Amino acid sequence: MSKNVSQLSSPAEAGLTASELSRVVEMAWEDRTPFEAIESLFKLNEPAVRLLMRRNLKPRSFRLWRQRVTGRKTKHLQLRSPDVSRGYCPTQYKR
């Protein structure tokens, strides 16, 4: 069961360690990582991720993030093109 906004008052209450919190923030900023992936890994639905971001980013950073993800088709699996089957850019993880 995913956590909703009313159940999330702090990252610790959500059961997140500092490294998990960092990873959730990183995934939320990534263009190709859908909210559904965050929910499956960390049991945080989209409103809970928004609240977590609001509480852990500076106000200006939060506004920039909201502008970036609002209406972005790759942040939702149902809106995503079938051509986008991966969660990262091919050049993102060079070895």
PDB file of N, CA and C in Angstrom:
ATOM      1  N   MET A   1       0.843  -1.183   0.000  1.00  0.00           N
ATOM      2  CA  MET A   1       0.000   0.000   0.000  1.00  0.00           C
ATOM      3  C   MET A   1       0.882   1.238   0.000  1.00  0.00           C
ATOM      4  N   SER A   2       0.611   2.174  -0.882  1.00  0.00           N
ATOM      5  CA  SER A   2       1.423   3.380  -0.934  1.00  0.00           C
ATOM      6  C   SER A   2       0.941   4.376   0.108  1.00  0.00           C
ATOM      7  N   LYS A   3       1.856   5.251   0.480  1.00  0.00           N
ATOM      8  CA  LYS A   3       1.529   6.254   1.480  1.00  0.00           C
ATOM      9  C   LYS A   3       0.964   7.472   0.793  1.00  0.00           C
ATOM     10  N   ASN A   4      -0.057   8.055   1.383  1.00  0.00           N
ATOM     11  CA  ASN A   4      -0.600   9.276   0.819  1.00  0.00           C
ATOM     12  C   ASN A   4      -0.146  10.458   1.668  1.00  0.00           C
ATOM     13  N   VAL A   5      -0.538  11.647   1.281  1.00  0.00           N
ATOM     14  CA  VAL A   5      -0.061  12.863   1.929  1.00  0.00           C
ATOM     15  C   VAL A   5      -0.407  12.892   3.403  1.00  0.00           C
ATOM     16  N   SER A   6      -1.591  12.433   3.760  1.00  0.00           N
ATOM     17  CA  SER A   6      -1.989  12.489   5.166  1.00  0.00           C
ATOM     18  C   SER A   6      -1.144  11.568   6.042  1.00  0.00           C
ATOM     19  N   GLN A   7      -0.525  10.553   5.461  1.00  0.00           N
ATOM     20  CA  GLN A   7       0.294   9.623   6.223  1.00  0.00           C
ATOM     21  C   GLN A   7       1.752  10.045   6.292  1.00  0.00           C
ATOM     22  N   LEU A   8       2.130  11.073   5.541  1.00  0.00           N
ATOM     23  CA  LEU A   8       3.528  11.451   5.423  1.00  0.00           C
ATOM     24  C   LEU A   8       3.757  12.791   6.102  1.00  0.00           C
ATOM     25  N   SER A   9       4.344  12.777   7.291  1.00  0.00           N
ATOM     26  CA  SER A   9       4.637  14.042   7.942  1.00  0.00           C
ATOM     27  C   SER A   9       6.131  14.331   7.960  1.00  0.00           C
ATOM     28  N   SER A  10       6.950  13.306   7.793  1.00  0.00           N
ATOM     29  CA  SER A  10       8.399  13.512   7.706  1.00  0.00           C
ATOM     30  C   SER A  10       9.011  12.314   6.997  1.00  0.00           C
ATOM     31  N   PRO A  11      10.218  12.493   6.419  1.00  0.00           N
ATOM     32  CA  PRO A  11      10.873  11.361   5.767  1.00  0.00           C
ATOM     33  C   PRO A  11      11.080  10.188   6.716  1.00  0.00           C
ATOM     34  N   ALA A  12      11.386  10.481   7.975  1.00  0.00           N
ATOM     35  CA  ALA A  12      11.590   9.410   8.942  1.00  0.00           C
ATOM     36  C   ALA A  12      10.290   8.645   9.155  1.00  0.00           C
ATOM     37  N   GLU A  13       9.169   9.373   9.173  1.00  0.00           N
ATOM     38  CA  GLU A  13       7.879   8.720   9.337  1.00  0.00           C
ATOM     39  C   GLU A  13       7.526   7.879   8.121  1.00  0.00           C
ATOM     40  N   ALA A  14       8.023   8.285   6.958  1.00  0.00           N
ATOM     41  CA  ALA A  14       7.797   7.517   5.741  1.00  0.00           C
ATOM     42  C   ALA A  14       8.706   6.290   5.702  1.00  0.00           C
ATOM     43  N   GLY A  15       9.582   6.166   6.699  1.00  0.00           N
ATOM     44  CA  GLY A  15      10.482   5.026   6.754  1.00  0.00           C
ATOM     45  C   GLY A  15      11.680   5.173   5.837  1.00  0.00           C
ATOM     46  N   LEU A  16      12.068   6.401   5.538  1.00  0.00           N
ATOM     47  CA  LEU A  16      13.192   6.643   4.642  1.00  0.00           C
ATOM     48  C   LEU A  16      14.455   7.014   5.412  1.00  0.00           C
ATOM     49  N   THR A  17      15.545   6.396   5.021  1.00  0.00           N
ATOM     50  CA  THR A  17      16.838   6.795   5.559  1.00  0.00           C
ATOM     51  C   THR A  17      17.312   8.012   4.780  1.00  0.00           C
ATOM     52  N   ALA A  18      18.407   8.612   5.209  1.00  0.00           N
ATOM     53  CA  ALA A  18      18.954   9.782   4.509  1.00  0.00           C
ATOM     54  C   ALA A  18      19.328   9.432   3.075  1.00  0.00           C
ATOM     55  N   SER A  19      19.896   8.260   2.860  1.00  0.00           N
ATOM     56  CA  SER A  19      20.278   7.874   1.499  1.00  0.00           C
ATOM     57  C   SER A  19      19.048   7.588   0.637  1.00  0.00           C
ATOM     58  N   GLU A  20      18.002   7.007   1.223  1.00  0.00           N
ATOM     59  CA  GLU A  20      16.768   6.773   0.474  1.00  0.00           C
ATOM     60  C   GLU A  20      16.081   8.093   0.119  1.00  0.00           C
ATOM     61  N   LEU A  21      16.089   9.025   1.058  1.00  0.00           N
ATOM     62  CA  LEU A  21      15.521  10.346   0.802  1.00  0.00           C
ATOM     63  C   LEU A  21      16.258  11.015  -0.352  1.00  0.00           C
ATOM     64  N   SER A  22      17.569  10.924  -0.336  1.00  0.00           N
ATOM     65  CA  SER A  22      18.379  11.492  -1.408  1.00  0.00           C
ATOM     66  C   SER A  22      18.035  10.848  -2.746  1.00  0.00           C
ATOM     67  N   ARG A  23      17.830   9.545  -2.754  1.00  0.00           N
ATOM     68  CA  ARG A  23      17.510   8.832  -3.982  1.00  0.00           C
ATOM     69  C   ARG A  23      16.121   9.217  -4.498  1.00  0.00           C
ATOM     70  N   VAL A  24      15.157   9.389  -3.602  1.00  0.00           N
ATOM     71  CA  VAL A  24      13.819   9.806  -4.017  1.00  0.00           C
ATOM     72  C   VAL A  24      13.885  11.192  -4.665  1.00  0.00           C
ATOM     73  N   VAL A  25      14.621  12.108  -4.047  1.00  0.00           N
ATOM     74  CA  VAL A  25      14.768  13.454  -4.609  1.00  0.00           C
ATOM     75  C   VAL A  25      15.441  13.378  -5.980  1.00  0.00           C
ATOM     76  N   GLU A  26      16.476  12.562  -6.092  1.00  0.00           N
ATOM     77  CA  GLU A  26      17.173  12.400  -7.371  1.00  0.00           C
ATOM     78  C   GLU A  26      16.225  11.839  -8.437  1.00  0.00           C
ATOM     79  N   MET A  27      15.465  10.814  -8.080  1.00  0.00           N
ATOM     80  CA  MET A  27      14.533  10.209  -9.037  1.00  0.00           C
ATOM     81  C   MET A  27      13.438  11.191  -9.440  1.00  0.00           C
ATOM     82  N   ALA A  28      12.987  12.003  -8.497  1.00  0.00           N
ATOM     83  CA  ALA A  28      11.946  12.984  -8.800  1.00  0.00           C
ATOM     84  C   ALA A  28      12.452  14.038  -9.784  1.00  0.00           C
ATOM     85  N   TRP A  29      13.727  14.394  -9.697  1.00  0.00           N
ATOM     86  CA  TRP A  29      14.310  15.373 -10.620  1.00  0.00           C
ATOM     87  C   TRP A  29      14.557  14.782 -12.001  1.00  0.00           C
ATOM     88  N   GLU A  30      14.772  13.480 -12.085  1.00  0.00           N
ATOM     89  CA  GLU A  30      15.069  12.856 -13.375  1.00  0.00           C
ATOM     90  C   GLU A  30      13.841  12.909 -14.280  1.00  0.00           C
ATOM     91  N   ASP A  31      14.056  13.335 -15.520  1.00  0.00           N
ATOM     92  CA  ASP A  31      12.938  13.485 -16.456  1.00  0.00           C
ATOM     93  C   ASP A  31      12.300  12.152 -16.830  1.00  0.00           C
ATOM     94  N   ARG A  32      13.086  11.122 -16.966  1.00  0.00           N
ATOM     95  CA  ARG A  32      12.569   9.848 -17.478  1.00  0.00           C
ATOM     96  C   ARG A  32      12.137   8.878 -16.383  1.00  0.00           C
ATOM     97  N   THR A  33      12.247   9.253 -15.143  1.00  0.00           N
ATOM     98  CA  THR A  33      11.815   8.368 -14.062  1.00  0.00           C
ATOM     99  C   THR A  33      10.367   8.691 -13.702  1.00  0.00           C
ATOM    100  N   PRO A  34       9.431   7.792 -13.982  1.00  0.00           N
ATOM    101  CA  PRO A  34       8.025   8.083 -13.691  1.00  0.00           C
ATOM    102  C   PRO A  34       7.731   7.993 -12.189  1.00  0.00           C
ATOM    103  N   PHE A  35       6.682   8.701 -11.800  1.00  0.00           N
ATOM    104  CA  PHE A  35       6.256   8.648 -10.399  1.00  0.00           C
ATOM    105  C   PHE A  35       5.903   7.228  -9.987  1.00  0.00           C
ATOM    106  N   GLU A  36       5.438   6.430 -10.930  1.00  0.00           N
ATOM    107  CA  GLU A  36       5.086   5.041 -10.623  1.00  0.00           C
ATOM    108  C   GLU A  36       6.308   4.235 -10.191  1.00  0.00           C
ATOM    109  N   ALA A  37       7.485   4.555 -10.735  1.00  0.00           N
ATOM    110  CA  ALA A  37       8.717   3.866 -10.327  1.00  0.00           C
ATOM    111  C   ALA A  37       9.065   4.218  -8.888  1.00  0.00           C
ATOM    112  N   ILE A  38       8.892   5.479  -8.529  1.00  0.00           N
ATOM    113  CA  ILE A  38       9.157   5.905  -7.146  1.00  0.00           C
ATOM    114  C   ILE A  38       8.171   5.205  -6.214  1.00  0.00           C
ATOM    115  N   GLU A  39       6.920   5.108  -6.645  1.00  0.00           N
ATOM    116  CA  GLU A  39       5.909   4.451  -5.811  1.00  0.00           C
ATOM    117  C   GLU A  39       6.219   2.967  -5.623  1.00  0.00           C
ATOM    118  N   SER A  40       6.679   2.314  -6.680  1.00  0.00           N
ATOM    119  CA  SER A  40       6.962   0.882  -6.550  1.00  0.00           C
ATOM    120  C   SER A  40       8.186   0.622  -5.677  1.00  0.00           C
ATOM    121  N   LEU A  41       9.163   1.508  -5.707  1.00  0.00           N
ATOM    122  CA  LEU A  41      10.374   1.305  -4.906  1.00  0.00           C
ATOM    123  C   LEU A  41      10.239   1.781  -3.468  1.00  0.00           C
ATOM    124  N   PHE A  42       9.579   2.935  -3.273  1.00  0.00           N
ATOM    125  CA  PHE A  42       9.559   3.565  -1.952  1.00  0.00           C
ATOM    126  C   PHE A  42       8.163   3.686  -1.349  1.00  0.00           C
ATOM    127  N   LYS A  43       7.137   3.207  -2.062  1.00  0.00           N
ATOM    128  CA  LYS A  43       5.756   3.245  -1.569  1.00  0.00           C
ATOM    129  C   LYS A  43       5.277   4.667  -1.292  1.00  0.00           C
ATOM    130  N   LEU A  44       5.707   5.624  -2.119  1.00  0.00           N
ATOM    131  CA  LEU A  44       5.274   7.014  -2.004  1.00  0.00           C
ATOM    132  C   LEU A  44       4.520   7.380  -3.284  1.00  0.00           C
ATOM    133  N   ASN A  45       3.245   7.753  -3.144  1.00  0.00           N
ATOM    134  CA  ASN A  45       2.495   8.149  -4.329  1.00  0.00           C
ATOM    135  C   ASN A  45       2.898   9.566  -4.745  1.00  0.00           C
ATOM    136  N   GLU A  46       2.363  10.030  -5.868  1.00  0.00           N
ATOM    137  CA  GLU A  46       2.778  11.332  -6.403  1.00  0.00           C
ATOM    138  C   GLU A  46       2.544  12.488  -5.430  1.00  0.00           C
ATOM    139  N   PRO A  47       1.376  12.603  -4.789  1.00  0.00           N
ATOM    140  CA  PRO A  47       1.200  13.700  -3.821  1.00  0.00           C
ATOM    141  C   PRO A  47       2.204  13.627  -2.659  1.00  0.00           C
ATOM    142  N   ALA A  48       2.549  12.418  -2.225  1.00  0.00           N
ATOM    143  CA  ALA A  48       3.526  12.264  -1.149  1.00  0.00           C
ATOM    144  C   ALA A  48       4.913  12.691  -1.623  1.00  0.00           C
ATOM    145  N   VAL A  49       5.247  12.407  -2.889  1.00  0.00           N
ATOM    146  CA  VAL A  49       6.531  12.840  -3.437  1.00  0.00           C
ATOM    147  C   VAL A  49       6.564  14.363  -3.519  1.00  0.00           C
ATOM    148  N   ARG A  50       5.454  14.971  -3.945  1.00  0.00           N
ATOM    149  CA  ARG A  50       5.396  16.437  -4.006  1.00  0.00           C
ATOM    150  C   ARG A  50       5.607  17.039  -2.626  1.00  0.00           C
ATOM    151  N   LEU A  51       4.964  16.470  -1.617  1.00  0.00           N
ATOM    152  CA  LEU A  51       5.118  16.973  -0.251  1.00  0.00           C
ATOM    153  C   LEU A  51       6.552  16.785   0.233  1.00  0.00           C
ATOM    154  N   LEU A  52       7.121  15.629  -0.044  1.00  0.00           N
ATOM    155  CA  LEU A  52       8.505  15.360   0.342  1.00  0.00           C
ATOM    156  C   LEU A  52       9.454  16.371  -0.317  1.00  0.00           C
ATOM    157  N   MET A  53       9.228  16.648  -1.592  1.00  0.00           N
ATOM    158  CA  MET A  53      10.058  17.623  -2.308  1.00  0.00           C
ATOM    159  C   MET A  53       9.866  19.020  -1.719  1.00  0.00           C
ATOM    160  N   ARG A  54       8.639  19.387  -1.409  1.00  0.00           N
ATOM    161  CA  ARG A  54       8.365  20.704  -0.828  1.00  0.00           C
ATOM    162  C   ARG A  54       9.112  20.881   0.498  1.00  0.00           C
ATOM    163  N   ARG A  55       9.155  19.820   1.285  1.00  0.00           N
ATOM    164  CA  ARG A  55       9.780  19.907   2.608  1.00  0.00           C
ATOM    165  C   ARG A  55      11.297  19.786   2.577  1.00  0.00           C
ATOM    166  N   ASN A  56      11.861  19.288   1.471  1.00  0.00           N
ATOM    167  CA  ASN A  56      13.296  19.044   1.436  1.00  0.00           C
ATOM    168  C   ASN A  56      14.057  19.903   0.440  1.00  0.00           C
ATOM    169  N   LEU A  57      13.359  20.712  -0.333  1.00  0.00           N
ATOM    170  CA  LEU A  57      14.021  21.620  -1.258  1.00  0.00           C
ATOM    171  C   LEU A  57      13.802  23.057  -0.797  1.00  0.00           C
ATOM    172  N   LYS A  58      14.677  23.943  -1.240  1.00  0.00           N
ATOM    173  CA  LYS A  58      14.459  25.368  -1.000  1.00  0.00           C
ATOM    174  C   LYS A  58      13.214  25.775  -1.780  1.00  0.00           C
ATOM    175  N   PRO A  59      12.507  26.809  -1.336  1.00  0.00           N
ATOM    176  CA  PRO A  59      11.275  27.203  -2.028  1.00  0.00           C
ATOM    177  C   PRO A  59      11.459  27.430  -3.531  1.00  0.00           C
ATOM    178  N   ARG A  60      12.509  28.101  -3.931  1.00  0.00           N
ATOM    179  CA  ARG A  60      12.740  28.357  -5.361  1.00  0.00           C
ATOM    180  C   ARG A  60      13.028  27.058  -6.110  1.00  0.00           C
ATOM    181  N   SER A  61      13.798  26.172  -5.503  1.00  0.00           N
ATOM    182  CA  SER A  61      14.087  24.877  -6.137  1.00  0.00           C
ATOM    183  C   SER A  61      12.811  24.061  -6.302  1.00  0.00           C
ATOM    184  N   PHE A  62      11.940  24.114  -5.301  1.00  0.00           N
ATOM    185  CA  PHE A  62      10.672  23.393  -5.400  1.00  0.00           C
ATOM    186  C   PHE A  62       9.834  23.941  -6.545  1.00  0.00           C
ATOM    187  N   ARG A  63       9.744  25.268  -6.657  1.00  0.00           N
ATOM    188  CA  ARG A  63       8.966  25.871  -7.749  1.00  0.00           C
ATOM    189  C   ARG A  63       9.539  25.479  -9.112  1.00  0.00           C
ATOM    190  N   LEU A  64      10.859  25.479  -9.245  1.00  0.00           N
ATOM    191  CA  LEU A  64      11.490  25.067 -10.499  1.00  0.00           C
ATOM    192  C   LEU A  64      11.182  23.606 -10.810  1.00  0.00           C
ATOM    193  N   TRP A  65      11.239  22.761  -9.796  1.00  0.00           N
ATOM    194  CA  TRP A  65      10.942  21.339  -9.993  1.00  0.00           C
ATOM    195  C   TRP A  65       9.488  21.155 -10.432  1.00  0.00           C
ATOM    196  N   ARG A  66       8.557  21.860  -9.779  1.00  0.00           N
ATOM    197  CA  ARG A  66       7.145  21.741 -10.146  1.00  0.00           C
ATOM    198  C   ARG A  66       6.909  22.195 -11.581  1.00  0.00           C
ATOM    199  N   GLN A  67       7.557  23.289 -11.975  1.00  0.00           N
ATOM    200  CA  GLN A  67       7.423  23.756 -13.352  1.00  0.00           C
ATOM    201  C   GLN A  67       7.957  22.696 -14.316  1.00  0.00           C
ATOM    202  N   ARG A  68       9.038  22.048 -13.935  1.00  0.00           N
ATOM    203  CA  ARG A  68       9.669  21.058 -14.803  1.00  0.00           C
ATOM    204  C   ARG A  68       8.812  19.804 -14.974  1.00  0.00           C
ATOM    205  N   VAL A  69       8.215  19.310 -13.901  1.00  0.00           N
ATOM    206  CA  VAL A  69       7.489  18.044 -13.988  1.00  0.00           C
ATOM    207  C   VAL A  69       6.021  18.206 -14.374  1.00  0.00           C
ATOM    208  N   THR A  70       5.467  19.403 -14.220  1.00  0.00           N
ATOM    209  CA  THR A  70       4.059  19.610 -14.555  1.00  0.00           C
ATOM    210  C   THR A  70       3.857  19.436 -16.054  1.00  0.00           C
ATOM    211  N   GLY A  71       3.020  18.503 -16.413  1.00  0.00           N
ATOM    212  CA  GLY A  71       2.709  18.252 -17.812  1.00  0.00           C
ATOM    213  C   GLY A  71       3.746  17.433 -18.565  1.00  0.00           C
ATOM    214  N   ARG A  72       4.794  16.993 -17.880  1.00  0.00           N
ATOM    215  CA  ARG A  72       5.838  16.204 -18.547  1.00  0.00           C
ATOM    216  C   ARG A  72       5.340  14.776 -18.727  1.00  0.00           C
ATOM    217  N   LYS A  73       5.252  14.348 -19.974  1.00  0.00           N
ATOM    218  CA  LYS A  73       4.672  13.036 -20.275  1.00  0.00           C
ATOM    219  C   LYS A  73       5.530  11.887 -19.772  1.00  0.00           C
ATOM    220  N   THR A  74       6.829  12.070 -19.666  1.00  0.00           N
ATOM    221  CA  THR A  74       7.680  10.955 -19.244  1.00  0.00           C
ATOM    222  C   THR A  74       7.606  10.704 -17.736  1.00  0.00           C
ATOM    223  N   LYS A  75       6.946  11.588 -16.973  1.00  0.00           N
ATOM    224  CA  LYS A  75       6.831  11.374 -15.531  1.00  0.00           C
ATOM    225  C   LYS A  75       5.640  10.482 -15.166  1.00  0.00           C
ATOM    226  N   HIS A  76       4.824  10.106 -16.163  1.00  0.00           N
ATOM    227  CA  HIS A  76       3.677   9.239 -15.922  1.00  0.00           C
ATOM    228  C   HIS A  76       3.676   8.128 -16.959  1.00  0.00           C
ATOM    229  N   LEU A  77       3.633   6.898 -16.514  1.00  0.00           N
ATOM    230  CA  LEU A  77       3.678   5.762 -17.437  1.00  0.00           C
ATOM    231  C   LEU A  77       2.525   5.772 -18.440  1.00  0.00           C
ATOM    232  N   GLN A  78       1.337   6.183 -18.011  1.00  0.00           N
ATOM    233  CA  GLN A  78       0.184   6.163 -18.902  1.00  0.00           C
ATOM    234  C   GLN A  78       0.304   7.200 -20.016  1.00  0.00           C
ATOM    235  N   LEU A  79       1.025   8.287 -19.789  1.00  0.00           N
ATOM    236  CA  LEU A  79       1.179   9.328 -20.798  1.00  0.00           C
ATOM    237  C   LEU A  79       2.418   9.114 -21.662  1.00  0.00           C
ATOM    238  N   ARG A  80       3.299   8.262 -21.206  1.00  0.00           N
ATOM    239  CA  ARG A  80       4.590   8.047 -21.866  1.00  0.00           C
ATOM    240  C   ARG A  80       4.428   7.329 -23.196  1.00  0.00           C
ATOM    241  N   SER A  81       5.238   7.734 -24.153  1.00  0.00           N
ATOM    242  CA  SER A  81       5.247   7.086 -25.463  1.00  0.00           C
ATOM    243  C   SER A  81       5.792   5.663 -25.318  1.00  0.00           C
ATOM    244  N   PRO A  82       5.264   4.710 -26.058  1.00  0.00           N
ATOM    245  CA  PRO A  82       5.792   3.343 -25.991  1.00  0.00           C
ATOM    246  C   PRO A  82       7.242   3.251 -26.463  1.00  0.00           C
ATOM    247  N   ASP A  83       7.703   4.274 -27.179  1.00  0.00           N
ATOM    248  CA  ASP A  83       9.091   4.302 -27.649  1.00  0.00           C
ATOM    249  C   ASP A  83      10.077   4.503 -26.502  1.00  0.00           C
ATOM    250  N   VAL A  84       9.599   5.061 -25.375  1.00  0.00           N
ATOM    251  CA  VAL A  84      10.464   5.307 -24.224  1.00  0.00           C
ATOM    252  C   VAL A  84      10.304   4.128 -23.272  1.00  0.00           C
ATOM    253  N   SER A  85      11.227   3.193 -23.359  1.00  0.00           N
ATOM    254  CA  SER A  85      11.107   1.981 -22.543  1.00  0.00           C
ATOM    255  C   SER A  85      12.130   1.931 -21.417  1.00  0.00           C
ATOM    256  N   ARG A  86      12.999   2.908 -21.346  1.00  0.00           N
ATOM    257  CA  ARG A  86      14.019   2.901 -20.305  1.00  0.00           C
ATOM    258  C   ARG A  86      13.846   4.119 -19.407  1.00  0.00           C
ATOM    259  N   GLY A  87      14.419   4.080 -18.220  1.00  0.00           N
ATOM    260  CA  GLY A  87      14.283   5.164 -17.261  1.00  0.00           C
ATOM    261  C   GLY A  87      15.457   6.111 -17.243  1.00  0.00           C
ATOM    262  N   TYR A  88      16.354   5.980 -18.208  1.00  0.00           N
ATOM    263  CA  TYR A  88      17.526   6.864 -18.219  1.00  0.00           C
ATOM    264  C   TYR A  88      17.998   7.065 -19.642  1.00  0.00           C
ATOM    265  N   CYS A  89      18.776   8.090 -19.838  1.00  0.00           N
ATOM    266  CA  CYS A  89      19.360   8.398 -21.145  1.00  0.00           C
ATOM    267  C   CYS A  89      20.516   7.415 -21.408  1.00  0.00           C
ATOM    268  N   PRO A  90      20.699   6.941 -22.651  1.00  0.00           N
ATOM    269  CA  PRO A  90      21.776   5.975 -22.927  1.00  0.00           C
ATOM    270  C   PRO A  90      23.166   6.493 -22.559  1.00  0.00           C
ATOM    271  N   THR A  91      23.344   7.795 -22.555  1.00  0.00           N
ATOM    272  CA  THR A  91      24.677   8.347 -22.226  1.00  0.00           C
ATOM    273  C   THR A  91      24.815   8.677 -20.740  1.00  0.00           C
ATOM    274  N   GLN A  92      23.777   8.444 -19.950  1.00  0.00           N
ATOM    275  CA  GLN A  92      23.806   8.823 -18.541  1.00  0.00           C
ATOM    276  C   GLN A  92      24.791   7.987 -17.724  1.00  0.00           C
ATOM    277  N   TYR A  93      24.865   6.714 -17.996  1.00  0.00           N
ATOM    278  CA  TYR A  93      25.718   5.824 -17.202  1.00  0.00           C
ATOM    279  C   TYR A  93      26.874   5.301 -18.041  1.00  0.00           C
ATOM    280  N   LYS A  94      27.755   6.178 -18.436  1.00  0.00           N
ATOM    281  CA  LYS A  94      28.923   5.755 -19.228  1.00  0.00           C
ATOM    282  C   LYS A  94      29.900   5.032 -18.321  1.00  0.00           C
ATOM    283  N   ARG A  95      30.566   4.063 -18.864  1.00  0.00           N
ATOM    284  CA  ARG A  95      31.554   3.312 -18.087  1.00  0.00           C
ATOM    285  C   ARG A  95      32.923   3.522 -18.610  1.00  0.00           C
TER     286      ARG A  95
END
